[in-house]
């Protein structure tokens, strides 16, 4: 519906005078402040390219895939395929890891949560297919780690080395398997 004053102004050949919207005026004045605030908060977002990690697990984040061999307790050896996912805390000193590996007759699903304090590592682990869990302790930094995973009925020594997009994992145990040797590539 046309407003009567606007209609009358059009008929008389006059243009209606518009009054500035006070909300629009506030937005125009506040726009630079708004853009500055948005830029500030974007700069604070962790994980951006300008916020480089420098902790023990730097460079490990992401998905990895590969294979290797597993030597079982009877001395037989089989090829094994593995997938790993690493989530690294913003400061590079915390790691959540999942590692799933399978051969023709053996499978394991390992999950761990590790914290680095200096060169000391500590955390927890669990293996889903055997419903076993325990603690991790070890040492390492700059992509090279030596860790002992222990539980009431299981102990394993784990050596993990990461160089760029390549990673090797060696697990030695006195259980259902003796040695697992895996080479992974970031995908």
Protein backbone atom coordinates (compact mmCIF):
# COMPACT_ATOMS: atom_id res chain seq x y z
CA UNK A 1 0.00 0.00 0.00
CA UNK A 2 1.31 3.44 -0.95
CA UNK A 3 1.63 5.95 1.82
CA UNK A 4 -0.69 8.99 1.25
CA UNK A 5 2.13 11.56 1.62
CA UNK A 6 4.27 9.72 -0.91
CA UNK A 7 1.33 9.52 -3.33
CA UNK A 8 0.58 13.23 -2.94
CA UNK A 9 4.27 14.11 -3.51
CA UNK A 10 4.36 12.09 -6.74
CA UNK A 11 1.13 13.70 -8.03
CA UNK A 12 2.43 17.18 -7.24
CA UNK A 13 5.76 16.40 -8.92
CA UNK A 14 7.73 16.61 -5.74
CA UNK A 15 10.07 14.02 -4.38
CA UNK A 16 9.61 12.73 -0.96
CA UNK A 17 12.42 13.60 1.46
CA UNK A 18 13.94 10.51 2.96
CA UNK A 19 15.19 10.56 6.47
CA UNK A 20 18.35 8.63 7.33
CA UNK A 21 17.80 5.34 9.14
CA UNK A 22 19.59 5.59 12.52
CA UNK A 23 20.43 1.86 12.45
CA UNK A 24 22.20 2.21 9.11
CA UNK A 25 24.20 5.18 10.40
CA UNK A 26 25.39 3.15 13.40
CA UNK A 27 26.43 0.26 11.13
CA UNK A 28 28.39 2.58 8.83
CA UNK A 29 30.29 4.02 11.80
CA UNK A 30 30.83 0.59 13.41
CA UNK A 31 31.90 -1.24 10.22
CA UNK A 32 35.68 -0.63 10.64
CA UNK A 33 35.47 -1.80 14.25
CA UNK A 34 33.55 -4.91 13.20
CA UNK A 35 36.14 -5.80 10.54
CA UNK A 36 38.97 -5.28 13.03
CA UNK A 37 37.27 -7.59 15.55
CA UNK A 38 36.74 -10.31 12.93
CA UNK A 39 40.38 -10.07 11.81
CA UNK A 40 41.53 -10.31 15.45
CA UNK A 41 39.50 -13.47 16.10
CA UNK A 42 40.65 -15.11 12.86
CA UNK A 43 44.24 -14.50 13.94
CA UNK A 44 43.52 -16.32 17.21
CA UNK A 45 42.21 -19.50 15.55
CA UNK A 46 44.62 -22.33 16.39
CA UNK A 47 46.06 -24.44 13.62
CA UNK A 48 46.27 -21.68 11.06
CA UNK A 49 49.34 -21.63 8.84
CA UNK A 50 50.78 -18.72 10.80
CA UNK A 51 50.50 -20.63 14.08
CA UNK A 52 53.26 -23.24 13.69
CA UNK A 53 53.61 -26.11 16.12
CA UNK A 54 56.86 -26.66 17.94
CA UNK A 55 56.13 -29.55 20.33
CA UNK A 56 57.22 -33.19 20.41
CA UNK A 57 54.50 -34.39 18.01
CA UNK A 58 54.84 -31.63 15.42
CA UNK A 59 54.41 -32.93 11.89
CA UNK A 60 52.48 -36.06 12.83
CA UNK A 61 48.89 -34.85 12.48
CA UNK A 62 46.76 -36.47 9.81
CA UNK A 63 45.92 -39.81 8.25
CA UNK A 64 48.58 -42.38 7.44
CA UNK A 65 48.47 -45.69 5.59
CA UNK A 66 50.89 -48.47 4.80
CA UNK A 67 51.99 -51.95 5.62
CA UNK A 68 54.71 -54.24 6.83
CA UNK A 69 55.12 -57.59 8.50
CA UNK A 70 54.01 -59.24 11.71
CA UNK A 71 55.90 -62.16 13.27
CA UNK A 72 53.55 -64.30 15.35
CA UNK A 73 54.48 -66.21 18.51
CA UNK A 74 54.89 -69.48 16.55
CA UNK A 75 57.60 -67.81 14.42
CA UNK A 76 55.50 -67.48 11.26
CA UNK A 77 55.45 -64.13 9.47
CA UNK A 78 52.61 -62.42 7.59
CA UNK A 79 52.12 -59.21 5.63
CA UNK A 80 50.04 -56.61 7.46
CA UNK A 81 48.12 -53.50 6.28
CA UNK A 82 47.63 -50.53 8.59
CA UNK A 83 45.88 -47.18 8.84
CA UNK A 84 46.68 -44.56 11.47
CA UNK A 85 45.14 -41.25 12.45
CA UNK A 86 46.94 -38.70 14.61
CA UNK A 87 45.30 -35.66 16.19
CA UNK A 88 47.93 -33.32 17.58
CA UNK A 89 47.19 -30.66 20.19
CA UNK A 90 47.79 -27.05 19.05
CA UNK A 91 51.02 -26.73 21.05
CA UNK A 92 52.34 -30.00 19.55
CA UNK A 93 52.73 -31.70 22.96
CA UNK A 94 49.56 -33.82 23.03
CA UNK A 95 48.65 -36.69 20.72
CA UNK A 96 45.55 -38.82 20.21
CA UNK A 97 46.31 -41.78 17.99
CA UNK A 98 44.40 -44.67 16.44
CA UNK A 99 46.18 -47.50 14.64
CA UNK A 100 44.29 -50.34 12.97
CA UNK A 101 46.25 -53.21 11.44
CA UNK A 102 45.23 -56.54 9.92
CA UNK A 103 46.97 -59.55 8.40
CA UNK A 104 45.42 -62.81 7.18
CA UNK A 105 45.11 -64.17 10.73
CA UNK A 106 45.70 -61.25 13.09
CA UNK A 107 44.08 -57.88 13.74
CA UNK A 108 44.51 -55.12 16.32
CA UNK A 109 42.88 -51.73 16.98
CA UNK A 110 45.12 -49.57 19.11
CA UNK A 111 44.15 -46.16 20.51
CA UNK A 112 46.36 -43.96 22.65
CA UNK A 113 46.45 -40.57 24.29
CA UNK A 114 49.98 -39.28 24.97
CA UNK A 115 51.35 -36.11 26.55
CA UNK A 116 54.93 -34.88 26.17
CA UNK A 117 56.63 -32.90 28.91
CA UNK A 118 60.07 -32.07 27.65
CA UNK A 119 61.42 -35.38 26.36
CA UNK A 120 59.29 -37.49 28.72
CA UNK A 121 56.13 -39.13 27.39
CA UNK A 122 53.22 -40.54 29.36
CA UNK A 123 49.67 -41.56 28.61
CA UNK A 124 47.15 -44.33 28.21
CA UNK A 125 46.37 -46.90 25.52
CA UNK A 126 43.70 -49.44 24.71
CA UNK A 127 43.33 -52.31 22.27
CA UNK A 128 39.69 -52.90 21.31
CA UNK A 129 39.74 -56.42 19.82
CA UNK A 130 41.26 -57.90 23.01
CA UNK A 131 39.63 -55.47 25.44
CA UNK A 132 42.92 -54.59 27.13
CA UNK A 133 44.25 -51.21 28.21
CA UNK A 134 47.11 -49.76 30.14
CA UNK A 135 49.71 -47.03 30.46
CA UNK A 136 52.39 -45.63 28.19
CA UNK A 137 55.74 -44.24 29.30
CA UNK A 138 58.79 -43.32 27.33
CA UNK A 139 61.05 -40.70 25.88
CA UNK A 140 61.42 -38.88 22.61
CA UNK A 141 61.12 -35.71 20.62
CA UNK A 142 61.43 -34.34 17.09
CA UNK A 143 59.66 -37.33 15.53
CA UNK A 144 61.61 -40.14 17.25
CA UNK A 145 60.01 -41.98 20.19
CA UNK A 146 60.74 -45.03 22.37
CA UNK A 147 57.72 -46.07 24.44
CA UNK A 148 56.74 -48.97 26.70
CA UNK A 149 53.06 -49.92 26.65
CA UNK A 150 52.12 -51.97 29.70
CA UNK A 151 49.04 -53.64 31.16
CA UNK A 152 48.49 -56.40 33.73
CA UNK A 153 48.98 -59.16 31.11
CA UNK A 154 50.91 -57.38 28.33
CA UNK A 155 54.06 -55.35 27.74
CA UNK A 156 55.32 -54.03 24.41
CA UNK A 157 58.22 -51.85 23.37
CA UNK A 158 57.31 -49.38 20.63
CA UNK A 159 59.71 -47.40 18.46
CA UNK A 160 58.17 -44.75 16.24
CA UNK A 161 60.05 -42.47 13.85
CA UNK A 162 58.52 -39.76 11.64
CA UNK A 163 60.45 -37.97 8.91
CA UNK A 164 58.31 -35.72 6.73
CA UNK A 165 55.52 -37.82 5.20
CA UNK A 166 57.13 -41.17 6.11
CA UNK A 167 56.81 -43.03 9.39
CA UNK A 168 58.08 -46.34 10.76
CA UNK A 169 56.58 -48.18 13.72
CA UNK A 170 58.19 -51.24 15.32
CA UNK A 171 56.33 -53.05 18.12
CA UNK A 172 58.08 -55.84 20.07
CA UNK A 173 56.07 -58.01 22.45
CA UNK A 174 56.08 -61.32 24.31
CA UNK A 175 52.44 -62.08 23.53
CA UNK A 176 50.42 -63.31 20.55
CA UNK A 177 52.96 -61.63 18.28
CA UNK A 178 56.67 -61.01 18.66
CA UNK A 179 57.43 -58.18 16.25
CA UNK A 180 55.37 -55.90 14.07
CA UNK A 181 57.25 -53.67 11.64
CA UNK A 182 55.21 -51.07 9.77
CA UNK A 183 56.03 -48.33 7.24
CA UNK A 184 53.38 -45.62 6.84
CA UNK A 185 52.93 -42.72 4.43
CA UNK A 186 50.75 -39.67 5.08
CA UNK A 187 47.64 -39.73 2.86
